[in-house]
Amino acid sequence: MSDFRVEVVYALPQRQTLIALTVDEGTTVAQAIRRSGLLEQHPDLDPKTAQVGVWGRAVELDHRLRDRDRVEIHRPVIADVKEVRRERALAARTSAPASKRAPSPRRRAKL
């Protein structure tokens, strides 16, 4: 068996923790998270309920890692992204003067 390097990352709003590990071939995401020590540093972190990924792609805890993989532990989503965008667009429309607003596609004159 050969050893290889992986990183385990957990980011909070105020700081990011990145742990570099040397692991054996066949190591899973769950094993790497346990070996990283992040569970001790962040007692509120529950790997069984947290979403995890490798390089931004969602994976299961039993996913086998490869050399130079980056394991990411994702925090729960606290806001609906679509709703936030809708609210931002509405606020931009209502705060801009009418002369500065782009015409609605429905109100454009047909040529």
N, C-alpha and C. Protein backbone atom coordinates (compact mmCIF):
# COMPACT_ATOMS: atom_id res chain seq x y z
N MET A 1 0.84 -1.19 0.00
CA MET A 1 0.00 0.00 0.00
C MET A 1 0.88 1.24 0.00
N SER A 2 0.45 2.24 -0.72
CA SER A 2 1.21 3.48 -0.75
C SER A 2 0.47 4.57 0.02
N ASP A 3 1.23 5.48 0.56
CA ASP A 3 0.66 6.62 1.27
C ASP A 3 0.50 7.78 0.30
N PHE A 4 -0.49 8.64 0.59
CA PHE A 4 -0.64 9.85 -0.20
C PHE A 4 -1.22 10.95 0.67
N ARG A 5 -1.22 12.17 0.14
CA ARG A 5 -1.64 13.35 0.91
C ARG A 5 -3.05 13.76 0.54
N VAL A 6 -3.80 14.17 1.56
CA VAL A 6 -5.12 14.75 1.37
C VAL A 6 -5.25 15.94 2.32
N GLU A 7 -6.24 16.77 2.07
CA GLU A 7 -6.56 17.89 2.96
C GLU A 7 -7.99 17.73 3.42
N VAL A 8 -8.26 18.13 4.66
CA VAL A 8 -9.61 18.17 5.20
C VAL A 8 -9.86 19.61 5.61
N VAL A 9 -10.98 20.18 5.13
CA VAL A 9 -11.27 21.59 5.34
C VAL A 9 -12.65 21.76 5.95
N TYR A 10 -12.72 22.69 6.93
CA TYR A 10 -14.00 23.10 7.51
C TYR A 10 -13.94 24.60 7.66
N ALA A 11 -14.91 25.30 7.09
CA ALA A 11 -14.90 26.77 7.11
C ALA A 11 -16.09 27.30 7.88
N LEU A 12 -15.80 28.20 8.79
CA LEU A 12 -16.82 28.95 9.51
C LEU A 12 -16.80 30.38 8.98
N PRO A 13 -17.81 31.19 9.29
CA PRO A 13 -17.79 32.55 8.77
C PRO A 13 -16.54 33.34 9.18
N GLN A 14 -16.02 33.09 10.37
CA GLN A 14 -14.89 33.87 10.85
C GLN A 14 -13.52 33.24 10.61
N ARG A 15 -13.48 31.93 10.32
CA ARG A 15 -12.18 31.31 10.07
C ARG A 15 -12.33 29.98 9.32
N GLN A 16 -11.23 29.58 8.70
CA GLN A 16 -11.18 28.30 7.98
C GLN A 16 -10.11 27.44 8.62
N THR A 17 -10.41 26.16 8.77
CA THR A 17 -9.43 25.21 9.30
C THR A 17 -9.09 24.23 8.19
N LEU A 18 -7.81 24.12 7.87
CA LEU A 18 -7.34 23.20 6.84
C LEU A 18 -6.29 22.30 7.48
N ILE A 19 -6.51 20.99 7.40
CA ILE A 19 -5.59 20.02 7.97
C ILE A 19 -5.05 19.16 6.83
N ALA A 20 -3.73 19.08 6.69
CA ALA A 20 -3.09 18.22 5.70
C ALA A 20 -2.74 16.90 6.38
N LEU A 21 -3.06 15.81 5.71
CA LEU A 21 -2.81 14.47 6.26
C LEU A 21 -2.10 13.60 5.24
N THR A 22 -1.35 12.64 5.75
CA THR A 22 -0.84 11.56 4.93
C THR A 22 -1.65 10.32 5.31
N VAL A 23 -2.31 9.72 4.33
CA VAL A 23 -3.20 8.59 4.60
C VAL A 23 -2.82 7.40 3.72
N ASP A 24 -3.33 6.24 4.11
CA ASP A 24 -3.10 5.02 3.33
C ASP A 24 -4.08 4.96 2.16
N GLU A 25 -3.70 4.24 1.15
CA GLU A 25 -4.59 3.97 0.03
C GLU A 25 -5.84 3.27 0.56
N GLY A 26 -7.00 3.65 0.09
CA GLY A 26 -8.25 3.05 0.55
C GLY A 26 -8.92 3.81 1.68
N THR A 27 -8.31 4.91 2.14
CA THR A 27 -8.89 5.71 3.22
C THR A 27 -10.18 6.36 2.72
N THR A 28 -11.22 6.34 3.56
CA THR A 28 -12.50 6.96 3.21
C THR A 28 -12.58 8.38 3.74
N VAL A 29 -13.58 9.10 3.27
CA VAL A 29 -13.82 10.47 3.73
C VAL A 29 -14.03 10.47 5.24
N ALA A 30 -14.84 9.56 5.76
CA ALA A 30 -15.10 9.50 7.20
C ALA A 30 -13.82 9.28 7.99
N GLN A 31 -12.96 8.39 7.52
CA GLN A 31 -11.70 8.12 8.22
C GLN A 31 -10.80 9.35 8.21
N ALA A 32 -10.73 10.05 7.10
CA ALA A 32 -9.90 11.25 7.01
C ALA A 32 -10.41 12.34 7.94
N ILE A 33 -11.73 12.49 8.02
CA ILE A 33 -12.31 13.50 8.91
C ILE A 33 -11.95 13.17 10.36
N ARG A 34 -12.09 11.90 10.74
CA ARG A 34 -11.75 11.50 12.12
C ARG A 34 -10.26 11.74 12.41
N ARG A 35 -9.40 11.36 11.46
CA ARG A 35 -7.94 11.54 11.66
C ARG A 35 -7.51 12.99 11.68
N SER A 36 -8.29 13.88 11.07
CA SER A 36 -7.90 15.29 10.99
C SER A 36 -7.95 16.00 12.34
N GLY A 37 -8.77 15.50 13.27
CA GLY A 37 -8.91 16.17 14.57
C GLY A 37 -9.93 17.28 14.57
N LEU A 38 -10.60 17.50 13.43
CA LEU A 38 -11.61 18.57 13.37
C LEU A 38 -12.79 18.31 14.29
N LEU A 39 -13.12 17.06 14.52
CA LEU A 39 -14.27 16.75 15.39
C LEU A 39 -13.98 17.18 16.82
N GLU A 40 -12.73 17.12 17.24
CA GLU A 40 -12.37 17.58 18.58
C GLU A 40 -12.32 19.10 18.63
N GLN A 41 -11.87 19.75 17.56
CA GLN A 41 -11.79 21.21 17.51
C GLN A 41 -13.17 21.86 17.41
N HIS A 42 -14.10 21.15 16.79
CA HIS A 42 -15.46 21.67 16.57
C HIS A 42 -16.46 20.63 17.09
N PRO A 43 -16.72 20.62 18.40
CA PRO A 43 -17.60 19.59 18.97
C PRO A 43 -19.03 19.61 18.42
N ASP A 44 -19.46 20.75 17.91
CA ASP A 44 -20.82 20.85 17.34
C ASP A 44 -20.92 20.19 15.97
N LEU A 45 -19.80 19.83 15.38
CA LEU A 45 -19.76 19.23 14.05
C LEU A 45 -20.13 17.75 14.13
N ASP A 46 -21.15 17.36 13.38
CA ASP A 46 -21.57 15.96 13.34
C ASP A 46 -21.39 15.44 11.92
N PRO A 47 -20.37 14.63 11.68
CA PRO A 47 -20.11 14.18 10.31
C PRO A 47 -21.23 13.32 9.73
N LYS A 48 -22.05 12.71 10.60
CA LYS A 48 -23.13 11.87 10.10
C LYS A 48 -24.24 12.70 9.46
N THR A 49 -24.40 13.95 9.89
CA THR A 49 -25.46 14.80 9.33
C THR A 49 -24.90 15.90 8.42
N ALA A 50 -23.61 16.17 8.50
CA ALA A 50 -23.01 17.23 7.67
C ALA A 50 -22.88 16.75 6.23
N GLN A 51 -23.03 17.67 5.32
CA GLN A 51 -22.78 17.39 3.91
C GLN A 51 -21.27 17.45 3.69
N VAL A 52 -20.74 16.49 2.94
CA VAL A 52 -19.31 16.48 2.65
C VAL A 52 -19.10 16.41 1.15
N GLY A 53 -17.93 16.87 0.74
CA GLY A 53 -17.61 16.84 -0.68
C GLY A 53 -16.12 16.70 -0.88
N VAL A 54 -15.74 16.38 -2.10
CA VAL A 54 -14.34 16.34 -2.50
C VAL A 54 -14.22 17.29 -3.69
N TRP A 55 -13.44 18.33 -3.49
CA TRP A 55 -13.26 19.37 -4.52
C TRP A 55 -14.60 19.92 -5.00
N GLY A 56 -15.53 20.18 -4.07
CA GLY A 56 -16.79 20.80 -4.40
C GLY A 56 -17.87 19.86 -4.92
N ARG A 57 -17.57 18.60 -5.07
CA ARG A 57 -18.54 17.62 -5.54
C ARG A 57 -19.01 16.79 -4.36
N ALA A 58 -20.31 16.72 -4.16
CA ALA A 58 -20.87 15.98 -3.02
C ALA A 58 -20.52 14.50 -3.12
N VAL A 59 -20.11 13.93 -1.99
CA VAL A 59 -19.78 12.50 -1.92
C VAL A 59 -20.33 11.94 -0.61
N GLU A 60 -20.35 10.63 -0.51
CA GLU A 60 -20.77 9.94 0.71
C GLU A 60 -19.57 9.75 1.62
N LEU A 61 -19.83 9.46 2.88
CA LEU A 61 -18.75 9.27 3.85
C LEU A 61 -17.87 8.06 3.53
N ASP A 62 -18.41 7.09 2.79
CA ASP A 62 -17.61 5.90 2.45
C ASP A 62 -16.83 6.06 1.14
N HIS A 63 -16.84 7.25 0.57
CA HIS A 63 -16.09 7.53 -0.67
C HIS A 63 -14.59 7.35 -0.40
N ARG A 64 -13.91 6.60 -1.25
CA ARG A 64 -12.47 6.36 -1.10
C ARG A 64 -11.69 7.53 -1.71
N LEU A 65 -10.71 8.00 -0.97
CA LEU A 65 -9.94 9.17 -1.39
C LEU A 65 -8.78 8.79 -2.30
N ARG A 66 -8.37 9.77 -3.09
CA ARG A 66 -7.21 9.62 -3.97
C ARG A 66 -6.17 10.66 -3.58
N ASP A 67 -4.97 10.52 -4.11
CA ASP A 67 -3.89 11.45 -3.82
C ASP A 67 -4.31 12.89 -4.13
N ARG A 68 -4.05 13.78 -3.19
CA ARG A 68 -4.29 15.23 -3.30
C ARG A 68 -5.76 15.62 -3.29
N ASP A 69 -6.63 14.74 -2.83
CA ASP A 69 -8.04 15.11 -2.69
C ASP A 69 -8.19 16.14 -1.57
N ARG A 70 -9.20 16.97 -1.70
CA ARG A 70 -9.53 17.98 -0.69
C ARG A 70 -10.93 17.66 -0.18
N VAL A 71 -11.02 17.18 1.05
CA VAL A 71 -12.30 16.85 1.68
C VAL A 71 -12.86 18.13 2.28
N GLU A 72 -14.09 18.47 1.92
CA GLU A 72 -14.74 19.68 2.43
C GLU A 72 -15.95 19.30 3.25
N ILE A 73 -16.03 19.82 4.45
CA ILE A 73 -17.19 19.61 5.31
C ILE A 73 -18.02 20.88 5.20
N HIS A 74 -19.24 20.73 4.71
CA HIS A 74 -20.09 21.89 4.45
C HIS A 74 -21.00 22.19 5.64
N ARG A 75 -21.16 23.46 5.93
CA ARG A 75 -22.09 23.88 6.97
C ARG A 75 -23.51 23.81 6.42
N PRO A 76 -24.50 23.70 7.29
CA PRO A 76 -25.88 23.68 6.79
C PRO A 76 -26.25 25.02 6.15
N VAL A 77 -27.07 24.97 5.14
CA VAL A 77 -27.54 26.17 4.47
C VAL A 77 -28.58 26.83 5.37
N ILE A 78 -28.40 28.13 5.64
CA ILE A 78 -29.33 28.81 6.53
C ILE A 78 -30.30 29.72 5.78
N ALA A 79 -30.08 29.89 4.49
CA ALA A 79 -30.98 30.74 3.71
C ALA A 79 -31.22 30.09 2.35
N ASP A 80 -32.40 30.32 1.81
CA ASP A 80 -32.73 29.83 0.48
C ASP A 80 -32.10 30.79 -0.54
N VAL A 81 -31.15 30.31 -1.31
CA VAL A 81 -30.41 31.14 -2.25
C VAL A 81 -31.33 31.83 -3.24
N LYS A 82 -32.32 31.12 -3.76
CA LYS A 82 -33.23 31.71 -4.73
C LYS A 82 -34.03 32.86 -4.10
N GLU A 83 -34.45 32.67 -2.87
CA GLU A 83 -35.22 33.72 -2.19
C GLU A 83 -34.35 34.95 -1.94
N VAL A 84 -33.12 34.76 -1.56
CA VAL A 84 -32.21 35.88 -1.33
C VAL A 84 -32.01 36.66 -2.62
N ARG A 85 -31.83 35.97 -3.74
CA ARG A 85 -31.66 36.65 -5.03
C ARG A 85 -32.92 37.44 -5.40
N ARG A 86 -34.09 36.81 -5.18
CA ARG A 86 -35.36 37.50 -5.47
C ARG A 86 -35.47 38.79 -4.68
N GLU A 87 -35.17 38.71 -3.39
CA GLU A 87 -35.26 39.89 -2.53
C GLU A 87 -34.27 40.97 -2.96
N ARG A 88 -33.05 40.57 -3.33
CA ARG A 88 -32.04 41.52 -3.77
C ARG A 88 -32.48 42.20 -5.07
N ALA A 89 -33.04 41.43 -6.01
CA ALA A 89 -33.50 42.00 -7.27
C ALA A 89 -34.66 42.96 -7.04
N LEU A 90 -35.58 42.59 -6.16
CA LEU A 90 -36.71 43.46 -5.85
C LEU A 90 -36.23 44.76 -5.20
N ALA A 91 -35.29 44.66 -4.29
CA ALA A 91 -34.75 45.86 -3.63
C ALA A 91 -34.06 46.76 -4.64
N ALA A 92 -33.33 46.18 -5.58
CA ALA A 92 -32.64 46.97 -6.60
C ALA A 92 -33.64 47.67 -7.51
N ARG A 93 -34.72 46.98 -7.85
CA ARG A 93 -35.75 47.58 -8.73
C ARG A 93 -36.47 48.72 -8.04
N THR A 94 -36.78 48.55 -6.78
CA THR A 94 -37.56 49.57 -6.08
C THR A 94 -36.71 50.74 -5.64
N SER A 95 -35.39 50.57 -5.50
CA SER A 95 -34.55 51.68 -5.05
C SER A 95 -34.03 52.52 -6.21
N ALA A 96 -33.97 52.00 -7.42
CA ALA A 96 -33.47 52.75 -8.57
C ALA A 96 -34.57 53.65 -9.12
N PRO A 97 -34.22 54.91 -9.50
CA PRO A 97 -35.22 55.79 -10.12
C PRO A 97 -35.73 55.18 -11.43
N ALA A 98 -36.95 55.49 -11.77
CA ALA A 98 -37.58 54.91 -12.96
C ALA A 98 -36.77 55.17 -14.23
N SER A 99 -36.15 56.36 -14.34
CA SER A 99 -35.39 56.68 -15.55
C SER A 99 -34.12 55.83 -15.67
N LYS A 100 -33.62 55.31 -14.57
CA LYS A 100 -32.40 54.51 -14.59
C LYS A 100 -32.67 53.02 -14.77
N ARG A 101 -33.90 52.59 -14.54
CA ARG A 101 -34.23 51.18 -14.62
C ARG A 101 -34.24 50.69 -16.06
N ALA A 102 -33.85 49.50 -16.26
CA ALA A 102 -33.92 48.88 -17.59
C ALA A 102 -35.39 48.60 -17.90
N PRO A 103 -35.79 48.80 -19.14
CA PRO A 103 -37.19 48.54 -19.49
C PRO A 103 -37.52 47.07 -19.35
N SER A 104 -38.73 46.82 -18.97
CA SER A 104 -39.21 45.44 -18.85
C SER A 104 -39.27 44.83 -20.23
N PRO A 105 -38.93 43.56 -20.38
CA PRO A 105 -38.99 42.92 -21.70
C PRO A 105 -40.40 42.96 -22.29
N ARG A 106 -41.40 43.01 -21.46
CA ARG A 106 -42.78 43.04 -21.94
C ARG A 106 -43.18 44.41 -22.46
N ARG A 107 -42.49 45.44 -22.02
CA ARG A 107 -42.85 46.80 -22.42
C ARG A 107 -42.02 47.33 -23.57
N ARG A 108 -41.08 46.56 -24.07
CA ARG A 108 -40.26 47.03 -25.18
C ARG A 108 -41.12 47.13 -26.44
N ALA A 109 -40.84 48.12 -27.21
CA ALA A 109 -41.56 48.31 -28.46
C ALA A 109 -41.13 47.24 -29.45
N LYS A 110 -42.10 46.72 -30.18
CA LYS A 110 -41.78 45.73 -31.21
C LYS A 110 -41.34 46.44 -32.46
N LEU A 111 -40.31 45.91 -33.07
CA LEU A 111 -39.78 46.53 -34.29
C LEU A 111 -40.31 45.83 -35.51
